[in-house]
Amino acid sequence: MYQQLSTSQVADELLKVEAFGKSYAASIAMAEYLEQIEDCTGELMQLDPIAIRCEFSLDTLNGFAADYSDSLNSDGVIVSPKGTNIPDREAVIEWFSDRTIFIHVEDDFFIMGEL
C-alpha cells in the first residue's frame, strides 16, 4: 500500500527519529530535497527516516570545513589571507557540493550526505 506524505508529514517523521536533532528547518529542507528527487525521477520513494539519520548529518559550514580541513587544504580550497586559515565560503560549498549531497538549511547550517 502506498500513502503519499506531505512535506510537513515527512518532516514530522524525521523529527520523530531526531534525524537532525530537534531542527524542524533541517527536516523541512530534507523533505523538500526528497520531493525534488521524486519530481525529477518520476519514481515514488519510500521514506526511511532511520536510513536518512544514518546517511546525513547537520552542521554549520565551518563545522564541516573543520572536519574535512585536511582534504580542503590538499585541494587548495582553504586560503590564508593575512596569515590565517579562513576558508572561502563559496569555494567550500562548491567543494562539498561536487563530492556529496550538500543542502543549505538556513543561515550557516547545511545537511551533508556521507562522503
PDB file of N, CA and C in Angstrom:
ATOM      1  N   MET A   1       0.840  -1.165   0.000  1.00  0.00           N
ATOM      2  CA  MET A   1       0.000   0.000   0.000  1.00  0.00           C
ATOM      3  C   MET A   1       0.893   1.238   0.000  1.00  0.00           C
ATOM      4  N   TYR A   2       0.504   2.230  -0.764  1.00  0.00           N
ATOM      5  CA  TYR A   2       1.255   3.468  -0.890  1.00  0.00           C
ATOM      6  C   TYR A   2       0.468   4.609  -0.265  1.00  0.00           C
ATOM      7  N   GLN A   3       1.129   5.404   0.548  1.00  0.00           N
ATOM      8  CA  GLN A   3       0.499   6.580   1.140  1.00  0.00           C
ATOM      9  C   GLN A   3       1.393   7.776   0.846  1.00  0.00           C
ATOM     10  N   GLN A   4       0.853   8.751   0.151  1.00  0.00           N
ATOM     11  CA  GLN A   4       1.610   9.954  -0.157  1.00  0.00           C
ATOM     12  C   GLN A   4       1.643  10.845   1.074  1.00  0.00           C
ATOM     13  N   LEU A   5       2.838  11.345   1.396  1.00  0.00           N
ATOM     14  CA  LEU A   5       3.013  12.210   2.551  1.00  0.00           C
ATOM     15  C   LEU A   5       3.264  13.639   2.095  1.00  0.00           C
ATOM     16  N   SER A   6       2.769  14.579   2.857  1.00  0.00           N
ATOM     17  CA  SER A   6       3.046  15.991   2.583  1.00  0.00           C
ATOM     18  C   SER A   6       4.450  16.321   3.103  1.00  0.00           C
ATOM     19  N   THR A   7       4.925  17.483   2.721  1.00  0.00           N
ATOM     20  CA  THR A   7       6.238  17.937   3.186  1.00  0.00           C
ATOM     21  C   THR A   7       6.294  17.959   4.710  1.00  0.00           C
ATOM     22  N   SER A   8       5.267  18.486   5.338  1.00  0.00           N
ATOM     23  CA  SER A   8       5.272  18.575   6.799  1.00  0.00           C
ATOM     24  C   SER A   8       5.176  17.192   7.448  1.00  0.00           C
ATOM     25  N   GLN A   9       4.477  16.249   6.819  1.00  0.00           N
ATOM     26  CA  GLN A   9       4.412  14.886   7.369  1.00  0.00           C
ATOM     27  C   GLN A   9       5.782  14.209   7.300  1.00  0.00           C
ATOM     28  N   VAL A  10       6.496  14.410   6.193  1.00  0.00           N
ATOM     29  CA  VAL A  10       7.851  13.858   6.080  1.00  0.00           C
ATOM     30  C   VAL A  10       8.745  14.483   7.150  1.00  0.00           C
ATOM     31  N   ALA A  11       8.656  15.799   7.296  1.00  0.00           N
ATOM     32  CA  ALA A  11       9.458  16.492   8.312  1.00  0.00           C
ATOM     33  C   ALA A  11       9.129  15.971   9.715  1.00  0.00           C
ATOM     34  N   ASP A  12       7.844  15.742   9.981  1.00  0.00           N
ATOM     35  CA  ASP A  12       7.444  15.208  11.293  1.00  0.00           C
ATOM     36  C   ASP A  12       8.034  13.826  11.537  1.00  0.00           C
ATOM     37  N   GLU A  13       8.066  12.990  10.500  1.00  0.00           N
ATOM     38  CA  GLU A  13       8.657  11.647  10.643  1.00  0.00           C
ATOM     39  C   GLU A  13      10.158  11.742  10.919  1.00  0.00           C
ATOM     40  N   LEU A  14      10.825  12.680  10.271  1.00  0.00           N
ATOM     41  CA  LEU A  14      12.249  12.878  10.514  1.00  0.00           C
ATOM     42  C   LEU A  14      12.500  13.400  11.923  1.00  0.00           C
ATOM     43  N   LEU A  15      11.613  14.260  12.407  1.00  0.00           N
ATOM     44  CA  LEU A  15      11.732  14.769  13.779  1.00  0.00           C
ATOM     45  C   LEU A  15      11.534  13.666  14.809  1.00  0.00           C
ATOM     46  N   LYS A  16      10.625  12.740  14.537  1.00  0.00           N
ATOM     47  CA  LYS A  16      10.360  11.647  15.487  1.00  0.00           C
ATOM     48  C   LYS A  16      11.617  10.841  15.791  1.00  0.00           C
ATOM     49  N   VAL A  17      12.459  10.638  14.779  1.00  0.00           N
ATOM     50  CA  VAL A  17      13.684   9.856  14.985  1.00  0.00           C
ATOM     51  C   VAL A  17      14.888  10.757  15.221  1.00  0.00           C
ATOM     52  N   GLU A  18      14.619  12.073  15.337  1.00  0.00           N
ATOM     53  CA  GLU A  18      15.671  13.070  15.536  1.00  0.00           C
ATOM     54  C   GLU A  18      16.780  12.908  14.505  1.00  0.00           C
ATOM     55  N   ALA A  19      16.363  12.788  13.240  1.00  0.00           N
ATOM     56  CA  ALA A  19      17.328  12.646  12.147  1.00  0.00           C
ATOM     57  C   ALA A  19      18.317  13.806  12.124  1.00  0.00           C
ATOM     58  N   PHE A  20      17.841  14.992  12.488  1.00  0.00           N
ATOM     59  CA  PHE A  20      18.692  16.182  12.547  1.00  0.00           C
ATOM     60  C   PHE A  20      18.521  16.874  13.888  1.00  0.00           C
ATOM     61  N   GLY A  21      18.517  16.067  14.923  1.00  0.00           N
ATOM     62  CA  GLY A  21      18.277  16.594  16.257  1.00  0.00           C
ATOM     63  C   GLY A  21      16.847  17.110  16.343  1.00  0.00           C
ATOM     64  N   LYS A  22      16.686  18.278  16.862  1.00  0.00           N
ATOM     65  CA  LYS A  22      15.352  18.864  17.002  1.00  0.00           C
ATOM     66  C   LYS A  22      15.118  19.985  15.982  1.00  0.00           C
ATOM     67  N   SER A  23      15.909  19.980  14.912  1.00  0.00           N
ATOM     68  CA  SER A  23      15.808  21.041  13.914  1.00  0.00           C
ATOM     69  C   SER A  23      14.680  20.774  12.916  1.00  0.00           C
ATOM     70  N   TYR A  24      13.612  21.547  13.068  1.00  0.00           N
ATOM     71  CA  TYR A  24      12.493  21.431  12.128  1.00  0.00           C
ATOM     72  C   TYR A  24      12.904  21.980  10.761  1.00  0.00           C
ATOM     73  N   ALA A  25      13.712  23.030  10.754  1.00  0.00           N
ATOM     74  CA  ALA A  25      14.164  23.616   9.492  1.00  0.00           C
ATOM     75  C   ALA A  25      14.950  22.600   8.670  1.00  0.00           C
ATOM     76  N   ALA A  26      15.818  21.820   9.327  1.00  0.00           N
ATOM     77  CA  ALA A  26      16.589  20.797   8.619  1.00  0.00           C
ATOM     78  C   ALA A  26      15.672  19.686   8.114  1.00  0.00           C
ATOM     79  N   SER A  27      14.687  19.319   8.913  1.00  0.00           N
ATOM     80  CA  SER A  27      13.737  18.277   8.497  1.00  0.00           C
ATOM     81  C   SER A  27      12.932  18.730   7.281  1.00  0.00           C
ATOM     82  N   ILE A  28      12.516  19.982   7.267  1.00  0.00           N
ATOM     83  CA  ILE A  28      11.792  20.543   6.122  1.00  0.00           C
ATOM     84  C   ILE A  28      12.701  20.573   4.894  1.00  0.00           C
ATOM     85  N   ALA A  29      13.956  21.008   5.068  1.00  0.00           N
ATOM     86  CA  ALA A  29      14.898  21.071   3.939  1.00  0.00           C
ATOM     87  C   ALA A  29      15.094  19.686   3.331  1.00  0.00           C
ATOM     88  N   MET A  30      15.212  18.661   4.178  1.00  0.00           N
ATOM     89  CA  MET A  30      15.388  17.306   3.666  1.00  0.00           C
ATOM     90  C   MET A  30      14.120  16.829   2.960  1.00  0.00           C
ATOM     91  N   ALA A  31      12.966  17.129   3.523  1.00  0.00           N
ATOM     92  CA  ALA A  31      11.697  16.728   2.900  1.00  0.00           C
ATOM     93  C   ALA A  31      11.567  17.365   1.516  1.00  0.00           C
ATOM     94  N   GLU A  32      11.915  18.621   1.406  1.00  0.00           N
ATOM     95  CA  GLU A  32      11.854  19.305   0.110  1.00  0.00           C
ATOM     96  C   GLU A  32      12.856  18.707  -0.873  1.00  0.00           C
ATOM     97  N   TYR A  33      14.033  18.354  -0.390  1.00  0.00           N
ATOM     98  CA  TYR A  33      15.043  17.705  -1.239  1.00  0.00           C
ATOM     99  C   TYR A  33      14.514  16.368  -1.768  1.00  0.00           C
ATOM    100  N   LEU A  34      13.905  15.576  -0.887  1.00  0.00           N
ATOM    101  CA  LEU A  34      13.356  14.286  -1.304  1.00  0.00           C
ATOM    102  C   LEU A  34      12.232  14.467  -2.326  1.00  0.00           C
ATOM    103  N   GLU A  35      11.427  15.497  -2.151  1.00  0.00           N
ATOM    104  CA  GLU A  35      10.369  15.799  -3.119  1.00  0.00           C
ATOM    105  C   GLU A  35      10.961  16.146  -4.478  1.00  0.00           C
ATOM    106  N   GLN A  36      12.062  16.907  -4.485  1.00  0.00           N
ATOM    107  CA  GLN A  36      12.718  17.258  -5.746  1.00  0.00           C
ATOM    108  C   GLN A  36      13.221  16.012  -6.461  1.00  0.00           C
ATOM    109  N   ILE A  37      13.787  15.086  -5.707  1.00  0.00           N
ATOM    110  CA  ILE A  37      14.272  13.845  -6.317  1.00  0.00           C
ATOM    111  C   ILE A  37      13.100  13.091  -6.943  1.00  0.00           C
ATOM    112  N   GLU A  38      12.014  12.990  -6.202  1.00  0.00           N
ATOM    113  CA  GLU A  38      10.834  12.297  -6.709  1.00  0.00           C
ATOM    114  C   GLU A  38      10.302  12.967  -7.973  1.00  0.00           C
ATOM    115  N   ASP A  39      10.251  14.293  -7.968  1.00  0.00           N
ATOM    116  CA  ASP A  39       9.770  15.032  -9.130  1.00  0.00           C
ATOM    117  C   ASP A  39      10.686  14.836 -10.339  1.00  0.00           C
ATOM    118  N   CYS A  40      11.994  14.837 -10.106  1.00  0.00           N
ATOM    119  CA  CYS A  40      12.958  14.700 -11.199  1.00  0.00           C
ATOM    120  C   CYS A  40      12.975  13.291 -11.785  1.00  0.00           C
ATOM    121  N   THR A  41      12.866  12.298 -10.939  1.00  0.00           N
ATOM    122  CA  THR A  41      12.953  10.913 -11.414  1.00  0.00           C
ATOM    123  C   THR A  41      11.602  10.364 -11.852  1.00  0.00           C
ATOM    124  N   GLY A  42      10.527  10.936 -11.312  1.00  0.00           N
ATOM    125  CA  GLY A  42       9.197  10.432 -11.619  1.00  0.00           C
ATOM    126  C   GLY A  42       8.878   9.122 -10.914  1.00  0.00           C
ATOM    127  N   GLU A  43       9.761   8.709 -10.018  1.00  0.00           N
ATOM    128  CA  GLU A  43       9.552   7.460  -9.275  1.00  0.00           C
ATOM    129  C   GLU A  43       9.164   7.770  -7.837  1.00  0.00           C
ATOM    130  N   LEU A  44       8.262   6.957  -7.310  1.00  0.00           N
ATOM    131  CA  LEU A  44       7.833   7.119  -5.926  1.00  0.00           C
ATOM    132  C   LEU A  44       8.921   6.599  -4.994  1.00  0.00           C
ATOM    133  N   MET A  45       9.106   7.289  -3.890  1.00  0.00           N
ATOM    134  CA  MET A  45      10.121   6.899  -2.918  1.00  0.00           C
ATOM    135  C   MET A  45       9.453   6.391  -1.654  1.00  0.00           C
ATOM    136  N   GLN A  46      10.158   5.518  -0.975  1.00  0.00           N
ATOM    137  CA  GLN A  46       9.704   5.060   0.329  1.00  0.00           C
ATOM    138  C   GLN A  46      10.525   5.790   1.378  1.00  0.00           C
ATOM    139  N   LEU A  47       9.860   6.398   2.337  1.00  0.00           N
ATOM    140  CA  LEU A  47      10.547   7.153   3.376  1.00  0.00           C
ATOM    141  C   LEU A  47      11.131   6.208   4.419  1.00  0.00           C
ATOM    142  N   ASP A  48      12.425   6.353   4.662  1.00  0.00           N
ATOM    143  CA  ASP A  48      13.112   5.580   5.689  1.00  0.00           C
ATOM    144  C   ASP A  48      13.877   6.568   6.576  1.00  0.00           C
ATOM    145  N   PRO A  49      13.212   7.114   7.603  1.00  0.00           N
ATOM    146  CA  PRO A  49      13.851   8.135   8.441  1.00  0.00           C
ATOM    147  C   PRO A  49      15.134   7.661   9.125  1.00  0.00           C
ATOM    148  N   ILE A  50      15.188   6.390   9.492  1.00  0.00           N
ATOM    149  CA  ILE A  50      16.401   5.877  10.156  1.00  0.00           C
ATOM    150  C   ILE A  50      17.581   5.879   9.184  1.00  0.00           C
ATOM    151  N   ALA A  51      17.347   5.481   7.948  1.00  0.00           N
ATOM    152  CA  ALA A  51      18.415   5.496   6.941  1.00  0.00           C
ATOM    153  C   ALA A  51      18.895   6.929   6.699  1.00  0.00           C
ATOM    154  N   ILE A  52      17.962   7.857   6.652  1.00  0.00           N
ATOM    155  CA  ILE A  52      18.333   9.268   6.473  1.00  0.00           C
ATOM    156  C   ILE A  52      19.162   9.738   7.657  1.00  0.00           C
ATOM    157  N   ARG A  53      18.760   9.349   8.849  1.00  0.00           N
ATOM    158  CA  ARG A  53      19.510   9.718  10.055  1.00  0.00           C
ATOM    159  C   ARG A  53      20.942   9.186  10.000  1.00  0.00           C
ATOM    160  N   CYS A  54      21.111   7.994   9.435  1.00  0.00           N
ATOM    161  CA  CYS A  54      22.436   7.376   9.355  1.00  0.00           C
ATOM    162  C   CYS A  54      23.292   7.951   8.229  1.00  0.00           C
ATOM    163  N   GLU A  55      22.670   8.387   7.151  1.00  0.00           N
ATOM    164  CA  GLU A  55      23.421   8.797   5.962  1.00  0.00           C
ATOM    165  C   GLU A  55      23.656  10.298   5.840  1.00  0.00           C
ATOM    166  N   PHE A  56      22.963  11.090   6.638  1.00  0.00           N
ATOM    167  CA  PHE A  56      23.077  12.543   6.536  1.00  0.00           C
ATOM    168  C   PHE A  56      23.375  13.143   7.907  1.00  0.00           C
ATOM    169  N   SER A  57      24.044  14.288   7.891  1.00  0.00           N
ATOM    170  CA  SER A  57      24.330  14.975   9.151  1.00  0.00           C
ATOM    171  C   SER A  57      24.099  16.475   8.979  1.00  0.00           C
ATOM    172  N   LEU A  58      23.845  17.130  10.083  1.00  0.00           N
ATOM    173  CA  LEU A  58      23.590  18.566  10.125  1.00  0.00           C
ATOM    174  C   LEU A  58      24.717  19.241  10.887  1.00  0.00           C
ATOM    175  N   ASP A  59      25.243  20.312  10.313  1.00  0.00           N
ATOM    176  CA  ASP A  59      26.288  21.079  10.991  1.00  0.00           C
ATOM    177  C   ASP A  59      26.386  22.440  10.305  1.00  0.00           C
ATOM    178  N   THR A  60      27.221  23.291  10.862  1.00  0.00           N
ATOM    179  CA  THR A  60      27.495  24.574  10.218  1.00  0.00           C
ATOM    180  C   THR A  60      28.523  24.346   9.118  1.00  0.00           C
ATOM    181  N   LEU A  61      28.614  25.289   8.224  1.00  0.00           N
ATOM    182  CA  LEU A  61      29.619  25.197   7.165  1.00  0.00           C
ATOM    183  C   LEU A  61      31.015  25.126   7.768  1.00  0.00           C
ATOM    184  N   ASN A  62      31.267  25.940   8.793  1.00  0.00           N
ATOM    185  CA  ASN A  62      32.583  25.912   9.444  1.00  0.00           C
ATOM    186  C   ASN A  62      32.840  24.579  10.140  1.00  0.00           C
ATOM    187  N   GLY A  63      31.792  23.977  10.702  1.00  0.00           N
ATOM    188  CA  GLY A  63      31.947  22.667  11.333  1.00  0.00           C
ATOM    189  C   GLY A  63      32.357  21.607  10.325  1.00  0.00           C
ATOM    190  N   PHE A  64      31.672  21.587   9.173  1.00  0.00           N
ATOM    191  CA  PHE A  64      32.047  20.635   8.133  1.00  0.00           C
ATOM    192  C   PHE A  64      33.453  20.928   7.609  1.00  0.00           C
ATOM    193  N   ALA A  65      33.765  22.220   7.425  1.00  0.00           N
ATOM    194  CA  ALA A  65      35.089  22.598   6.933  1.00  0.00           C
ATOM    195  C   ALA A  65      36.178  22.147   7.904  1.00  0.00           C
ATOM    196  N   ALA A  66      35.926  22.275   9.192  1.00  0.00           N
ATOM    197  CA  ALA A  66      36.907  21.836  10.188  1.00  0.00           C
ATOM    198  C   ALA A  66      37.088  20.325  10.136  1.00  0.00           C
ATOM    199  N   ASP A  67      35.987  19.591   9.977  1.00  0.00           N
ATOM    200  CA  ASP A  67      36.066  18.125   9.913  1.00  0.00           C
ATOM    201  C   ASP A  67      36.842  17.646   8.698  1.00  0.00           C
ATOM    202  N   TYR A  68      36.763  18.380   7.612  1.00  0.00           N
ATOM    203  CA  TYR A  68      37.400  17.968   6.357  1.00  0.00           C
ATOM    204  C   TYR A  68      38.530  18.908   5.967  1.00  0.00           C
ATOM    205  N   SER A  69      39.130  19.581   6.937  1.00  0.00           N
ATOM    206  CA  SER A  69      40.150  20.585   6.646  1.00  0.00           C
ATOM    207  C   SER A  69      41.354  20.014   5.904  1.00  0.00           C
ATOM    208  N   ASP A  70      41.769  18.787   6.226  1.00  0.00           N
ATOM    209  CA  ASP A  70      42.912  18.195   5.526  1.00  0.00           C
ATOM    210  C   ASP A  70      42.624  18.042   4.040  1.00  0.00           C
ATOM    211  N   SER A  71      41.435  17.556   3.714  1.00  0.00           N
ATOM    212  CA  SER A  71      41.056  17.390   2.307  1.00  0.00           C
ATOM    213  C   SER A  71      40.897  18.740   1.618  1.00  0.00           C
ATOM    214  N   LEU A  72      40.280  19.688   2.313  1.00  0.00           N
ATOM    215  CA  LEU A  72      40.115  21.025   1.743  1.00  0.00           C
ATOM    216  C   LEU A  72      41.468  21.674   1.492  1.00  0.00           C
ATOM    217  N   ASN A  73      42.398  21.516   2.425  1.00  0.00           N
ATOM    218  CA  ASN A  73      43.741  22.077   2.260  1.00  0.00           C
ATOM    219  C   ASN A  73      44.464  21.428   1.095  1.00  0.00           C
ATOM    220  N   SER A  74      44.372  20.107   0.986  1.00  0.00           N
ATOM    221  CA  SER A  74      45.098  19.412  -0.075  1.00  0.00           C
ATOM    222  C   SER A  74      44.553  19.771  -1.458  1.00  0.00           C
ATOM    223  N   ASP A  75      43.289  20.178  -1.522  1.00  0.00           N
ATOM    224  CA  ASP A  75      42.701  20.600  -2.798  1.00  0.00           C
ATOM    225  C   ASP A  75      42.825  22.108  -3.015  1.00  0.00           C
ATOM    226  N   GLY A  76      43.474  22.802  -2.085  1.00  0.00           N
ATOM    227  CA  GLY A  76      43.704  24.237  -2.228  1.00  0.00           C
ATOM    228  C   GLY A  76      42.479  25.099  -2.012  1.00  0.00           C
ATOM    229  N   VAL A  77      41.484  24.598  -1.294  1.00  0.00           N
ATOM    230  CA  VAL A  77      40.255  25.364  -1.085  1.00  0.00           C
ATOM    231  C   VAL A  77      40.404  26.376   0.032  1.00  0.00           C
ATOM    232  N   ILE A  78      41.132  26.024   1.075  1.00  0.00           N
ATOM    233  CA  ILE A  78      41.317  26.947   2.195  1.00  0.00           C
ATOM    234  C   ILE A  78      42.476  27.886   1.867  1.00  0.00           C
ATOM    235  N   VAL A  79      42.168  29.153   1.883  1.00  0.00           N
ATOM    236  CA  VAL A  79      43.170  30.166   1.574  1.00  0.00           C
ATOM    237  C   VAL A  79      43.647  30.796   2.867  1.00  0.00           C
ATOM    238  N   SER A  80      44.757  31.460   2.822  1.00  0.00           N
ATOM    239  CA  SER A  80      45.322  32.047   4.036  1.00  0.00           C
ATOM    240  C   SER A  80      45.564  33.542   3.875  1.00  0.00           C
ATOM    241  N   PRO A  81      44.503  34.344   3.861  1.00  0.00           N
ATOM    242  CA  PRO A  81      44.747  35.784   3.813  1.00  0.00           C
ATOM    243  C   PRO A  81      45.279  36.289   5.149  1.00  0.00           C
ATOM    244  N   LYS A  82      46.277  37.123   5.080  1.00  0.00           N
ATOM    245  CA  LYS A  82      46.880  37.719   6.282  1.00  0.00           C
ATOM    246  C   LYS A  82      47.296  36.664   7.305  1.00  0.00           C
ATOM    247  N   GLY A  83      47.776  35.518   6.828  1.00  0.00           N
ATOM    248  CA  GLY A  83      48.337  34.512   7.719  1.00  0.00           C
ATOM    249  C   GLY A  83      47.328  33.671   8.479  1.00  0.00           C
ATOM    250  N   THR A  84      46.045  33.740   8.141  1.00  0.00           N
ATOM    251  CA  THR A  84      45.053  32.922   8.834  1.00  0.00           C
ATOM    252  C   THR A  84      44.506  31.856   7.902  1.00  0.00           C
ATOM    253  N   ASN A  85      44.016  30.784   8.458  1.00  0.00           N
ATOM    254  CA  ASN A  85      43.362  29.740   7.665  1.00  0.00           C
ATOM    255  C   ASN A  85      41.866  29.994   7.655  1.00  0.00           C
ATOM    256  N   ILE A  86      41.413  30.806   6.737  1.00  0.00           N
ATOM    257  CA  ILE A  86      39.997  31.136   6.623  1.00  0.00           C
ATOM    258  C   ILE A  86      39.480  30.563   5.308  1.00  0.00           C
ATOM    259  N   PRO A  87      38.521  29.645   5.380  1.00  0.00           N
ATOM    260  CA  PRO A  87      38.012  29.078   4.137  1.00  0.00           C
ATOM    261  C   PRO A  87      37.147  30.077   3.380  1.00  0.00           C
ATOM    262  N   ASP A  88      37.264  30.067   2.067  1.00  0.00           N
ATOM    263  CA  ASP A  88      36.398  30.856   1.199  1.00  0.00           C
ATOM    264  C   ASP A  88      35.052  30.152   1.183  1.00  0.00           C
ATOM    265  N   ARG A  89      34.021  30.804   1.702  1.00  0.00           N
ATOM    266  CA  ARG A  89      32.696  30.201   1.878  1.00  0.00           C
ATOM    267  C   ARG A  89      32.174  29.536   0.603  1.00  0.00           C
ATOM    268  N   GLU A  90      32.178  30.259  -0.492  1.00  0.00           N
ATOM    269  CA  GLU A  90      31.643  29.712  -1.749  1.00  0.00           C
ATOM    270  C   GLU A  90      32.483  28.546  -2.253  1.00  0.00           C
ATOM    271  N   ALA A  91      33.790  28.627  -2.073  1.00  0.00           N
ATOM    272  CA  ALA A  91      34.666  27.533  -2.512  1.00  0.00           C
ATOM    273  C   ALA A  91      34.417  26.271  -1.689  1.00  0.00           C
ATOM    274  N   VAL A  92      34.173  26.441  -0.393  1.00  0.00           N
ATOM    275  CA  VAL A  92      33.898  25.289   0.471  1.00  0.00           C
ATOM    276  C   VAL A  92      32.553  24.660   0.088  1.00  0.00           C
ATOM    277  N   ILE A  93      31.543  25.494  -0.131  1.00  0.00           N
ATOM    278  CA  ILE A  93      30.229  24.977  -0.540  1.00  0.00           C
ATOM    279  C   ILE A  93      30.355  24.215  -1.857  1.00  0.00           C
ATOM    280  N   GLU A  94      31.079  24.781  -2.807  1.00  0.00           N
ATOM    281  CA  GLU A  94      31.269  24.124  -4.105  1.00  0.00           C
ATOM    282  C   GLU A  94      32.024  22.798  -3.942  1.00  0.00           C
ATOM    283  N   TRP A  95      33.056  22.797  -3.083  1.00  0.00           N
ATOM    284  CA  TRP A  95      33.846  21.585  -2.861  1.00  0.00           C
ATOM    285  C   TRP A  95      32.956  20.460  -2.337  1.00  0.00           C
ATOM    286  N   PHE A  96      32.139  20.746  -1.327  1.00  0.00           N
ATOM    287  CA  PHE A  96      31.243  19.725  -0.785  1.00  0.00           C
ATOM    288  C   PHE A  96      30.181  19.325  -1.808  1.00  0.00           C
ATOM    289  N   SER A  97      29.623  20.299  -2.506  1.00  0.00           N
ATOM    290  CA  SER A  97      28.563  20.017  -3.487  1.00  0.00           C
ATOM    291  C   SER A  97      29.058  19.131  -4.624  1.00  0.00           C
ATOM    292  N   ASP A  98      30.324  19.258  -4.978  1.00  0.00           N
ATOM    293  CA  ASP A  98      30.908  18.424  -6.038  1.00  0.00           C
ATOM    294  C   ASP A  98      31.129  16.979  -5.584  1.00  0.00           C
ATOM    295  N   ARG A  99      31.172  16.743  -4.273  1.00  0.00           N
ATOM    296  CA  ARG A  99      31.545  15.432  -3.759  1.00  0.00           C
ATOM    297  C   ARG A  99      30.419  14.675  -3.064  1.00  0.00           C
ATOM    298  N   THR A 100      29.375  15.382  -2.678  1.00  0.00           N
ATOM    299  CA  THR A 100      28.314  14.750  -1.909  1.00  0.00           C
ATOM    300  C   THR A 100      27.028  15.556  -2.044  1.00  0.00           C
ATOM    301  N   ILE A 101      25.997  15.102  -1.414  1.00  0.00           N
ATOM    302  CA  ILE A 101      24.766  15.881  -1.330  1.00  0.00           C
ATOM    303  C   ILE A 101      24.991  16.933  -0.246  1.00  0.00           C
ATOM    304  N   PHE A 102      24.776  18.173  -0.580  1.00  0.00           N
ATOM    305  CA  PHE A 102      25.029  19.278   0.347  1.00  0.00           C
ATOM    306  C   PHE A 102      23.854  20.236   0.241  1.00  0.00           C
ATOM    307  N   ILE A 103      23.022  20.275   1.261  1.00  0.00           N
ATOM    308  CA  ILE A 103      21.758  21.004   1.241  1.00  0.00           C
ATOM    309  C   ILE A 103      21.814  22.169   2.222  1.00  0.00           C
ATOM    310  N   HIS A 104      21.570  23.360   1.724  1.00  0.00           N
ATOM    311  CA  HIS A 104      21.513  24.522   2.613  1.00  0.00           C
ATOM    312  C   HIS A 104      20.201  24.475   3.392  1.00  0.00           C
ATOM    313  N   VAL A 105      20.284  24.636   4.699  1.00  0.00           N
ATOM    314  CA  VAL A 105      19.104  24.605   5.564  1.00  0.00           C
ATOM    315  C   VAL A 105      18.650  26.034   5.844  1.00  0.00           C
ATOM    316  N   GLU A 106      19.437  26.759   6.578  1.00  0.00           N
ATOM    317  CA  GLU A 106      19.191  28.171   6.892  1.00  0.00           C
ATOM    318  C   GLU A 106      20.456  28.737   7.503  1.00  0.00           C
ATOM    319  N   ASP A 107      20.596  30.037   7.418  1.00  0.00           N
ATOM    320  CA  ASP A 107      21.760  30.721   7.968  1.00  0.00           C
ATOM    321  C   ASP A 107      23.025  29.998   7.532  1.00  0.00           C
ATOM    322  N   ASP A 108      23.797  29.504   8.484  1.00  0.00           N
ATOM    323  CA  ASP A 108      25.058  28.835   8.165  1.00  0.00           C
ATOM    324  C   ASP A 108      24.956  27.317   8.328  1.00  0.00           C
ATOM    325  N   PHE A 109      23.753  26.785   8.387  1.00  0.00           N
ATOM    326  CA  PHE A 109      23.554  25.341   8.593  1.00  0.00           C
ATOM    327  C   PHE A 109      23.324  24.631   7.273  1.00  0.00           C
ATOM    328  N   PHE A 110      23.938  23.432   7.173  1.00  0.00           N
ATOM    329  CA  PHE A 110      23.837  22.608   5.983  1.00  0.00           C
ATOM    330  C   PHE A 110      23.625  21.162   6.394  1.00  0.00           C
ATOM    331  N   ILE A 111      23.022  20.401   5.487  1.00  0.00           N
ATOM    332  CA  ILE A 111      22.913  18.948   5.629  1.00  0.00           C
ATOM    333  C   ILE A 111      23.878  18.360   4.619  1.00  0.00           C
ATOM    334  N   MET A 112      24.667  17.395   5.066  1.00  0.00           N
ATOM    335  CA  MET A 112      25.608  16.746   4.174  1.00  0.00           C
ATOM    336  C   MET A 112      25.369  15.240   4.171  1.00  0.00           C
ATOM    337  N   GLY A 113      25.420  14.657   2.964  1.00  0.00           N
ATOM    338  CA  GLY A 113      25.386  13.209   2.839  1.00  0.00           C
ATOM    339  C   GLY A 113      26.767  12.651   3.107  1.00  0.00           C
ATOM    340  N   GLU A 114      26.815  11.354   3.304  1.00  0.00           N
ATOM    341  CA  GLU A 114      28.106  10.717   3.596  1.00  0.00           C
ATOM    342  C   GLU A 114      29.075  10.893   2.442  1.00  0.00           C
ATOM    343  N   LEU A 115      30.320  11.227   2.755  1.00  0.00           N
ATOM    344  CA  LEU A 115      31.370  11.331   1.727  1.00  0.00           C
ATOM    345  C   LEU A 115      31.926   9.969   1.426  1.00  0.00           C
TER     346      LEU A 115
END
